[in-house]
Every structure is written in C-alpha cells, then in structure tokens.
Amino acid sequence: MREATGQQKLFVDEYLRLRKKNQTQAAINAGYSEKSASSQASQLLNNPKVLEYLNEREKAIIQELQQEFMFDALEARKVMYEIMKKEDAENRDKINVAKDFLDRAGFKPTDKVEHSGNMSINNPFDGITTDDIKKVIRSAD
C-alpha cells in the first residue's frame, strides 16, 4: 500500500490543527474545493492510507507531549523539593509538598474503606455464662 499523498497529509495536519472538530474546513485549508470539501473530507477519513497517517501523527503528537511533560515534571519536582527544604517555609507547605511527593511516588495512603452487610464472627465462647466460667475455675483448683 502506498502512503498518503502530500495533499492528504496536509488535510490530516489541518484536521489535527483544528482539533478534529471541522473536517470540511480542514479539507478547504488543504486545498480541496469548497464545493466538494465536505464529501472529500468524508472520503479522506475513510481512506486507509489517510487513517494510517492520522494515527502516526497522533502517536507522534502524544510522544512529543509526553517528552514536554517529562521535563515540566522534573522542573516541578525541583521546585517542590526546594519548598520542602526551605528553612523559612511554613510547616503546612512543607507537609503538603511531602505528601504530594509520596503520592506521586506511589505511597498514597489507602482511602477509607467502608463495609456493609453482615459480619459473622465464630465465637467459641458464645453462650457461656459467668456462672459456667466460675464453675470451671473452681474445678481447676
């Protein structure tokens, strides 16, 4: 299977630039006729070559974003660490930062767990009276 044409790729890039909200406008921006843009866009979005290119572009965008967020996360971690170690920072700020660090590292405490229903406990002494216990104690003497 051949790859998408230059104009088809331009359509995909425009479609993504418009956040996949206006396929007709993306077709017009890619150079397709205004009269046929709607039907062209529909055909393009059913074309396996175009869909493959769209998928590749989306994956590339996700990868770029993940890299950007990774660097932002490293910077945020540095800022948080500085707050936590700052001598004149409020204790509540230091505690909040420390909790956030632990959360992000996977040490978040478990949320409150509620249980409803019957809980039966097998008590071997159920039904024994105080008098019965006194009798056992006397017989042991």
N, C-alpha and C. Protein backbone atom coordinates (compact mmCIF):
# COMPACT_ATOMS: atom_id res chain seq x y z
N MET A 1 0.85 -1.17 0.00
CA MET A 1 0.00 0.00 0.00
C MET A 1 0.90 1.24 0.00
N ARG A 2 0.63 2.16 -0.92
CA ARG A 2 1.38 3.41 -0.98
C ARG A 2 0.96 4.30 0.18
N GLU A 3 1.80 5.28 0.48
CA GLU A 3 1.47 6.19 1.58
C GLU A 3 0.57 7.31 1.08
N ALA A 4 0.03 8.06 2.02
CA ALA A 4 -0.86 9.18 1.70
C ALA A 4 -0.11 10.22 0.86
N THR A 5 -0.85 10.90 0.00
CA THR A 5 -0.26 11.95 -0.84
C THR A 5 0.03 13.18 0.00
N GLY A 6 0.75 14.12 -0.58
CA GLY A 6 1.06 15.36 0.11
C GLY A 6 -0.19 16.12 0.51
N GLN A 7 -1.17 16.16 -0.36
CA GLN A 7 -2.41 16.90 -0.06
C GLN A 7 -3.20 16.17 1.03
N GLN A 8 -3.19 14.85 0.98
CA GLN A 8 -3.88 14.08 2.03
C GLN A 8 -3.21 14.31 3.38
N LYS A 9 -1.89 14.35 3.38
CA LYS A 9 -1.16 14.62 4.63
C LYS A 9 -1.47 16.02 5.14
N LEU A 10 -1.54 16.97 4.21
CA LEU A 10 -1.88 18.34 4.59
C LEU A 10 -3.27 18.39 5.21
N PHE A 11 -4.21 17.61 4.63
CA PHE A 11 -5.56 17.53 5.20
C PHE A 11 -5.49 17.02 6.65
N VAL A 12 -4.73 15.95 6.88
CA VAL A 12 -4.60 15.37 8.22
C VAL A 12 -4.01 16.40 9.18
N ASP A 13 -2.96 17.09 8.74
CA ASP A 13 -2.33 18.09 9.61
C ASP A 13 -3.30 19.22 9.96
N GLU A 14 -4.08 19.64 8.97
CA GLU A 14 -5.09 20.68 9.21
C GLU A 14 -6.20 20.16 10.13
N TYR A 15 -6.60 18.93 9.90
CA TYR A 15 -7.65 18.30 10.72
C TYR A 15 -7.20 18.25 12.18
N LEU A 16 -5.96 17.90 12.40
CA LEU A 16 -5.43 17.86 13.77
C LEU A 16 -5.28 19.27 14.34
N ARG A 17 -4.84 20.21 13.50
CA ARG A 17 -4.69 21.59 13.96
C ARG A 17 -6.04 22.15 14.42
N LEU A 18 -7.11 21.71 13.76
CA LEU A 18 -8.47 22.13 14.14
C LEU A 18 -9.05 21.23 15.24
N ARG A 19 -8.19 20.43 15.81
CA ARG A 19 -8.56 19.53 16.93
C ARG A 19 -9.66 18.54 16.55
N LYS A 20 -9.63 18.10 15.31
CA LYS A 20 -10.56 17.10 14.77
C LYS A 20 -12.02 17.54 14.90
N LYS A 21 -12.24 18.85 14.85
CA LYS A 21 -13.60 19.36 15.04
C LYS A 21 -14.26 19.80 13.75
N ASN A 22 -13.50 20.03 12.67
CA ASN A 22 -14.11 20.53 11.44
C ASN A 22 -13.39 19.94 10.24
N GLN A 23 -13.84 18.78 9.82
CA GLN A 23 -13.18 18.08 8.72
C GLN A 23 -13.36 18.82 7.40
N THR A 24 -14.49 19.49 7.21
CA THR A 24 -14.73 20.24 5.98
C THR A 24 -13.74 21.40 5.87
N GLN A 25 -13.57 22.14 6.94
CA GLN A 25 -12.63 23.26 6.93
C GLN A 25 -11.20 22.76 6.72
N ALA A 26 -10.88 21.60 7.31
CA ALA A 26 -9.55 21.02 7.13
C ALA A 26 -9.31 20.70 5.65
N ALA A 27 -10.34 20.20 4.97
CA ALA A 27 -10.21 19.89 3.54
C ALA A 27 -10.02 21.18 2.74
N ILE A 28 -10.76 22.21 3.07
CA ILE A 28 -10.62 23.50 2.38
C ILE A 28 -9.21 24.05 2.61
N ASN A 29 -8.74 24.01 3.86
CA ASN A 29 -7.40 24.51 4.18
C ASN A 29 -6.31 23.71 3.47
N ALA A 30 -6.60 22.45 3.15
CA ALA A 30 -5.63 21.59 2.47
C ALA A 30 -5.68 21.76 0.95
N GLY A 31 -6.59 22.61 0.48
CA GLY A 31 -6.63 22.90 -0.95
C GLY A 31 -7.72 22.22 -1.74
N TYR A 32 -8.63 21.52 -1.07
CA TYR A 32 -9.75 20.89 -1.76
C TYR A 32 -10.81 21.97 -2.04
N SER A 33 -11.61 21.75 -3.06
CA SER A 33 -12.64 22.69 -3.46
C SER A 33 -13.66 22.88 -2.35
N GLU A 34 -14.11 24.13 -2.16
CA GLU A 34 -15.12 24.40 -1.14
C GLU A 34 -16.41 23.64 -1.41
N LYS A 35 -16.74 23.48 -2.69
CA LYS A 35 -17.99 22.79 -3.06
C LYS A 35 -17.96 21.31 -2.68
N SER A 36 -16.79 20.71 -2.83
CA SER A 36 -16.70 19.27 -2.57
C SER A 36 -15.97 18.94 -1.27
N ALA A 37 -15.61 19.94 -0.50
CA ALA A 37 -14.79 19.73 0.69
C ALA A 37 -15.43 18.76 1.68
N SER A 38 -16.74 18.88 1.88
CA SER A 38 -17.41 18.02 2.85
C SER A 38 -17.32 16.55 2.44
N SER A 39 -17.64 16.27 1.18
CA SER A 39 -17.59 14.87 0.73
C SER A 39 -16.14 14.38 0.63
N GLN A 40 -15.23 15.27 0.22
CA GLN A 40 -13.81 14.90 0.16
C GLN A 40 -13.31 14.52 1.56
N ALA A 41 -13.67 15.34 2.54
CA ALA A 41 -13.22 15.07 3.90
C ALA A 41 -13.75 13.73 4.39
N SER A 42 -15.00 13.45 4.08
CA SER A 42 -15.60 12.18 4.48
C SER A 42 -14.86 11.00 3.84
N GLN A 43 -14.56 11.14 2.55
CA GLN A 43 -13.82 10.09 1.85
C GLN A 43 -12.41 9.93 2.41
N LEU A 44 -11.78 11.05 2.68
CA LEU A 44 -10.42 11.01 3.22
C LEU A 44 -10.38 10.28 4.57
N LEU A 45 -11.39 10.53 5.39
CA LEU A 45 -11.40 9.90 6.72
C LEU A 45 -11.82 8.43 6.68
N ASN A 46 -12.12 7.94 5.49
CA ASN A 46 -12.39 6.50 5.30
C ASN A 46 -11.29 5.85 4.48
N ASN A 47 -10.29 6.61 4.11
CA ASN A 47 -9.18 6.11 3.29
C ASN A 47 -8.13 5.48 4.22
N PRO A 48 -7.80 4.21 4.03
CA PRO A 48 -6.84 3.54 4.92
C PRO A 48 -5.47 4.24 4.98
N LYS A 49 -5.00 4.77 3.85
CA LYS A 49 -3.70 5.47 3.84
C LYS A 49 -3.76 6.73 4.69
N VAL A 50 -4.87 7.46 4.58
CA VAL A 50 -5.04 8.69 5.35
C VAL A 50 -5.19 8.35 6.83
N LEU A 51 -5.97 7.32 7.14
CA LEU A 51 -6.15 6.91 8.54
C LEU A 51 -4.83 6.45 9.16
N GLU A 52 -4.02 5.79 8.38
CA GLU A 52 -2.71 5.35 8.89
C GLU A 52 -1.84 6.57 9.20
N TYR A 53 -1.83 7.55 8.30
CA TYR A 53 -1.05 8.77 8.54
C TYR A 53 -1.60 9.53 9.75
N LEU A 54 -2.92 9.59 9.87
CA LEU A 54 -3.56 10.25 11.02
C LEU A 54 -3.12 9.58 12.31
N ASN A 55 -3.12 8.27 12.33
CA ASN A 55 -2.71 7.50 13.51
C ASN A 55 -1.24 7.78 13.84
N GLU A 56 -0.39 7.80 12.81
CA GLU A 56 1.04 8.09 13.02
C GLU A 56 1.24 9.49 13.61
N ARG A 57 0.54 10.46 13.07
CA ARG A 57 0.66 11.84 13.55
C ARG A 57 0.18 11.97 14.99
N GLU A 58 -0.94 11.31 15.31
CA GLU A 58 -1.44 11.36 16.69
C GLU A 58 -0.44 10.74 17.65
N LYS A 59 0.15 9.62 17.27
CA LYS A 59 1.15 8.98 18.12
C LYS A 59 2.36 9.90 18.31
N ALA A 60 2.78 10.56 17.23
CA ALA A 60 3.92 11.47 17.32
C ALA A 60 3.60 12.65 18.24
N ILE A 61 2.39 13.17 18.14
CA ILE A 61 1.98 14.29 19.00
C ILE A 61 1.98 13.86 20.46
N ILE A 62 1.44 12.69 20.72
CA ILE A 62 1.41 12.17 22.10
C ILE A 62 2.83 12.01 22.64
N GLN A 63 3.71 11.48 21.81
CA GLN A 63 5.10 11.30 22.24
C GLN A 63 5.77 12.64 22.54
N GLU A 64 5.53 13.63 21.68
CA GLU A 64 6.09 14.97 21.91
C GLU A 64 5.57 15.56 23.21
N LEU A 65 4.27 15.42 23.44
CA LEU A 65 3.68 15.95 24.67
C LEU A 65 4.25 15.26 25.91
N GLN A 66 4.40 13.94 25.82
CA GLN A 66 4.95 13.21 26.96
C GLN A 66 6.36 13.68 27.28
N GLN A 67 7.15 13.95 26.25
CA GLN A 67 8.51 14.44 26.48
C GLN A 67 8.47 15.81 27.13
N GLU A 68 7.61 16.69 26.64
CA GLU A 68 7.49 18.03 27.22
C GLU A 68 7.05 17.95 28.67
N PHE A 69 6.06 17.09 28.95
CA PHE A 69 5.57 16.95 30.32
C PHE A 69 6.63 16.36 31.24
N MET A 70 7.47 15.49 30.68
CA MET A 70 8.53 14.89 31.49
C MET A 70 9.47 16.00 31.99
N PHE A 71 9.85 16.91 31.10
CA PHE A 71 10.74 18.00 31.50
C PHE A 71 10.04 18.95 32.47
N ASP A 72 8.76 19.21 32.22
CA ASP A 72 7.98 20.05 33.15
C ASP A 72 7.89 19.39 34.52
N ALA A 73 7.69 18.08 34.52
CA ALA A 73 7.59 17.35 35.79
C ALA A 73 8.90 17.40 36.56
N LEU A 74 10.01 17.30 35.84
CA LEU A 74 11.32 17.40 36.52
C LEU A 74 11.50 18.79 37.14
N GLU A 75 11.09 19.81 36.42
CA GLU A 75 11.19 21.17 36.94
C GLU A 75 10.27 21.35 38.16
N ALA A 76 9.07 20.81 38.06
CA ALA A 76 8.12 20.91 39.18
C ALA A 76 8.67 20.18 40.41
N ARG A 77 9.31 19.04 40.19
CA ARG A 77 9.89 18.29 41.30
C ARG A 77 10.98 19.11 41.99
N LYS A 78 11.78 19.81 41.19
CA LYS A 78 12.84 20.65 41.78
C LYS A 78 12.22 21.76 42.65
N VAL A 79 11.17 22.39 42.14
CA VAL A 79 10.51 23.46 42.89
C VAL A 79 9.93 22.92 44.19
N MET A 80 9.28 21.76 44.10
CA MET A 80 8.69 21.16 45.29
C MET A 80 9.77 20.82 46.32
N TYR A 81 10.88 20.29 45.83
CA TYR A 81 11.96 19.92 46.74
C TYR A 81 12.52 21.16 47.44
N GLU A 82 12.66 22.25 46.69
CA GLU A 82 13.15 23.50 47.28
C GLU A 82 12.20 24.00 48.37
N ILE A 83 10.91 23.89 48.14
CA ILE A 83 9.93 24.31 49.16
C ILE A 83 10.07 23.44 50.40
N MET A 84 10.21 22.15 50.19
CA MET A 84 10.28 21.21 51.31
C MET A 84 11.53 21.45 52.16
N LYS A 85 12.61 21.85 51.54
CA LYS A 85 13.87 22.05 52.25
C LYS A 85 14.09 23.49 52.72
N LYS A 86 13.23 24.39 52.30
CA LYS A 86 13.40 25.81 52.64
C LYS A 86 13.20 26.03 54.14
N GLU A 87 14.17 26.66 54.77
CA GLU A 87 14.14 26.88 56.22
C GLU A 87 12.93 27.71 56.66
N ASP A 88 12.62 28.76 55.92
CA ASP A 88 11.55 29.67 56.36
C ASP A 88 10.18 29.34 55.75
N ALA A 89 10.06 28.18 55.12
CA ALA A 89 8.75 27.79 54.57
C ALA A 89 7.83 27.37 55.72
N GLU A 90 6.56 27.62 55.54
CA GLU A 90 5.56 27.21 56.55
C GLU A 90 5.55 25.68 56.65
N ASN A 91 5.36 25.19 57.86
CA ASN A 91 5.31 23.74 58.06
C ASN A 91 4.20 23.10 57.23
N ARG A 92 3.05 23.77 57.14
CA ARG A 92 1.94 23.19 56.37
C ARG A 92 2.31 23.06 54.90
N ASP A 93 3.09 24.02 54.35
CA ASP A 93 3.54 23.94 52.97
C ASP A 93 4.51 22.77 52.79
N LYS A 94 5.43 22.62 53.75
CA LYS A 94 6.38 21.52 53.70
C LYS A 94 5.65 20.17 53.76
N ILE A 95 4.66 20.09 54.63
CA ILE A 95 3.89 18.84 54.77
C ILE A 95 3.12 18.55 53.49
N ASN A 96 2.49 19.57 52.92
CA ASN A 96 1.74 19.36 51.68
C ASN A 96 2.65 18.89 50.54
N VAL A 97 3.82 19.49 50.44
CA VAL A 97 4.77 19.08 49.40
C VAL A 97 5.24 17.65 49.66
N ALA A 98 5.55 17.34 50.89
CA ALA A 98 6.00 15.98 51.23
C ALA A 98 4.92 14.96 50.90
N LYS A 99 3.66 15.27 51.23
CA LYS A 99 2.55 14.36 50.91
C LYS A 99 2.44 14.18 49.40
N ASP A 100 2.57 15.29 48.66
CA ASP A 100 2.48 15.23 47.20
C ASP A 100 3.59 14.35 46.62
N PHE A 101 4.82 14.52 47.16
CA PHE A 101 5.93 13.67 46.74
C PHE A 101 5.59 12.19 46.94
N LEU A 102 5.12 11.88 48.13
CA LEU A 102 4.80 10.48 48.45
C LEU A 102 3.68 9.96 47.56
N ASP A 103 2.67 10.79 47.33
CA ASP A 103 1.57 10.42 46.43
C ASP A 103 2.10 10.04 45.06
N ARG A 104 2.91 10.91 44.50
CA ARG A 104 3.42 10.72 43.15
C ARG A 104 4.36 9.53 43.06
N ALA A 105 5.00 9.20 44.18
CA ALA A 105 5.91 8.06 44.20
C ALA A 105 5.17 6.74 44.45
N GLY A 106 3.87 6.82 44.63
CA GLY A 106 3.08 5.61 44.82
C GLY A 106 2.85 5.22 46.26
N PHE A 107 3.14 6.13 47.18
CA PHE A 107 2.96 5.83 48.60
C PHE A 107 1.72 6.49 49.17
N LYS A 108 0.71 6.65 48.34
CA LYS A 108 -0.53 7.28 48.79
C LYS A 108 -1.25 6.34 49.76
N PRO A 109 -1.71 6.88 50.88
CA PRO A 109 -2.43 6.01 51.83
C PRO A 109 -3.74 5.55 51.20
N THR A 110 -4.16 4.37 51.61
CA THR A 110 -5.42 3.86 51.07
C THR A 110 -6.57 4.71 51.55
N ASP A 111 -7.52 4.88 50.67
CA ASP A 111 -8.71 5.64 51.03
C ASP A 111 -9.53 4.84 52.04
N LYS A 112 -10.39 5.53 52.75
CA LYS A 112 -11.25 4.90 53.74
C LYS A 112 -12.09 3.83 53.05
N VAL A 113 -12.12 2.66 53.63
CA VAL A 113 -12.89 1.55 53.08
C VAL A 113 -14.08 1.31 53.99
N GLU A 114 -15.26 1.32 53.41
CA GLU A 114 -16.46 1.06 54.19
C GLU A 114 -16.99 -0.32 53.82
N HIS A 115 -17.53 -0.99 54.82
CA HIS A 115 -18.08 -2.32 54.60
C HIS A 115 -19.54 -2.30 55.05
N SER A 116 -20.37 -2.89 54.23
CA SER A 116 -21.76 -3.02 54.65
C SER A 116 -22.16 -4.48 54.52
N GLY A 117 -23.09 -4.86 55.32
CA GLY A 117 -23.54 -6.26 55.30
C GLY A 117 -23.28 -6.90 56.64
N ASN A 118 -23.55 -8.18 56.71
CA ASN A 118 -23.38 -8.92 57.95
C ASN A 118 -21.96 -9.43 58.06
N MET A 119 -21.43 -9.32 59.25
CA MET A 119 -20.12 -9.90 59.53
C MET A 119 -20.33 -10.91 60.65
N SER A 120 -20.25 -12.16 60.32
CA SER A 120 -20.45 -13.17 61.36
C SER A 120 -19.08 -13.56 61.92
N ILE A 121 -19.03 -13.63 63.22
CA ILE A 121 -17.80 -14.00 63.91
C ILE A 121 -18.08 -15.29 64.64
N ASN A 122 -17.23 -16.25 64.43
CA ASN A 122 -17.38 -17.54 65.09
C ASN A 122 -16.72 -17.45 66.46
N ASN A 123 -17.53 -17.28 67.51
CA ASN A 123 -17.03 -17.14 68.87
C ASN A 123 -17.27 -18.46 69.61
N PRO A 124 -16.20 -19.17 69.96
CA PRO A 124 -16.37 -20.46 70.64
C PRO A 124 -16.93 -20.32 72.06
N PHE A 125 -16.90 -19.12 72.63
CA PHE A 125 -17.40 -18.91 73.99
C PHE A 125 -18.80 -18.35 74.00
N ASP A 126 -19.39 -18.25 72.82
CA ASP A 126 -20.75 -17.72 72.73
C ASP A 126 -21.70 -18.63 73.51
N GLY A 127 -22.50 -18.07 74.38
CA GLY A 127 -23.47 -18.85 75.17
C GLY A 127 -22.97 -19.27 76.53
N ILE A 128 -21.70 -19.07 76.82
CA ILE A 128 -21.16 -19.45 78.14
C ILE A 128 -21.44 -18.30 79.11
N THR A 129 -22.00 -18.64 80.25
CA THR A 129 -22.34 -17.62 81.25
C THR A 129 -21.19 -17.43 82.23
N THR A 130 -21.31 -16.39 83.04
CA THR A 130 -20.31 -16.13 84.07
C THR A 130 -20.28 -17.27 85.08
N ASP A 131 -21.45 -17.80 85.39
CA ASP A 131 -21.51 -18.94 86.33
C ASP A 131 -20.76 -20.14 85.78
N ASP A 132 -20.90 -20.41 84.48
CA ASP A 132 -20.17 -21.54 83.87
C ASP A 132 -18.66 -21.35 84.02
N ILE A 133 -18.19 -20.13 83.83
CA ILE A 133 -16.76 -19.83 83.94
C ILE A 133 -16.29 -20.03 85.39
N LYS A 134 -17.12 -19.57 86.33
CA LYS A 134 -16.77 -19.75 87.74
C LYS A 134 -16.67 -21.23 88.10
N LYS A 135 -17.56 -22.05 87.55
CA LYS A 135 -17.52 -23.50 87.82
C LYS A 135 -16.23 -24.11 87.28
N VAL A 136 -15.81 -23.67 86.10
CA VAL A 136 -14.57 -24.21 85.51
C VAL A 136 -13.37 -23.81 86.37
N ILE A 137 -13.38 -22.57 86.89
CA ILE A 137 -12.28 -22.10 87.71
C ILE A 137 -12.22 -22.89 89.01
N ARG A 138 -13.39 -23.14 89.64
CA ARG A 138 -13.41 -23.91 90.90
C ARG A 138 -12.94 -25.34 90.70
N SER A 139 -13.31 -25.91 89.57
CA SER A 139 -12.92 -27.31 89.34
C SER A 139 -11.44 -27.42 89.05
N ALA A 140 -10.81 -26.36 88.60
CA ALA A 140 -9.39 -26.38 88.32
C ALA A 140 -8.57 -26.27 89.59
N ASP A 141 -9.19 -25.71 90.66
CA ASP A 141 -8.46 -25.55 91.91
C ASP A 141 -8.28 -26.85 92.57
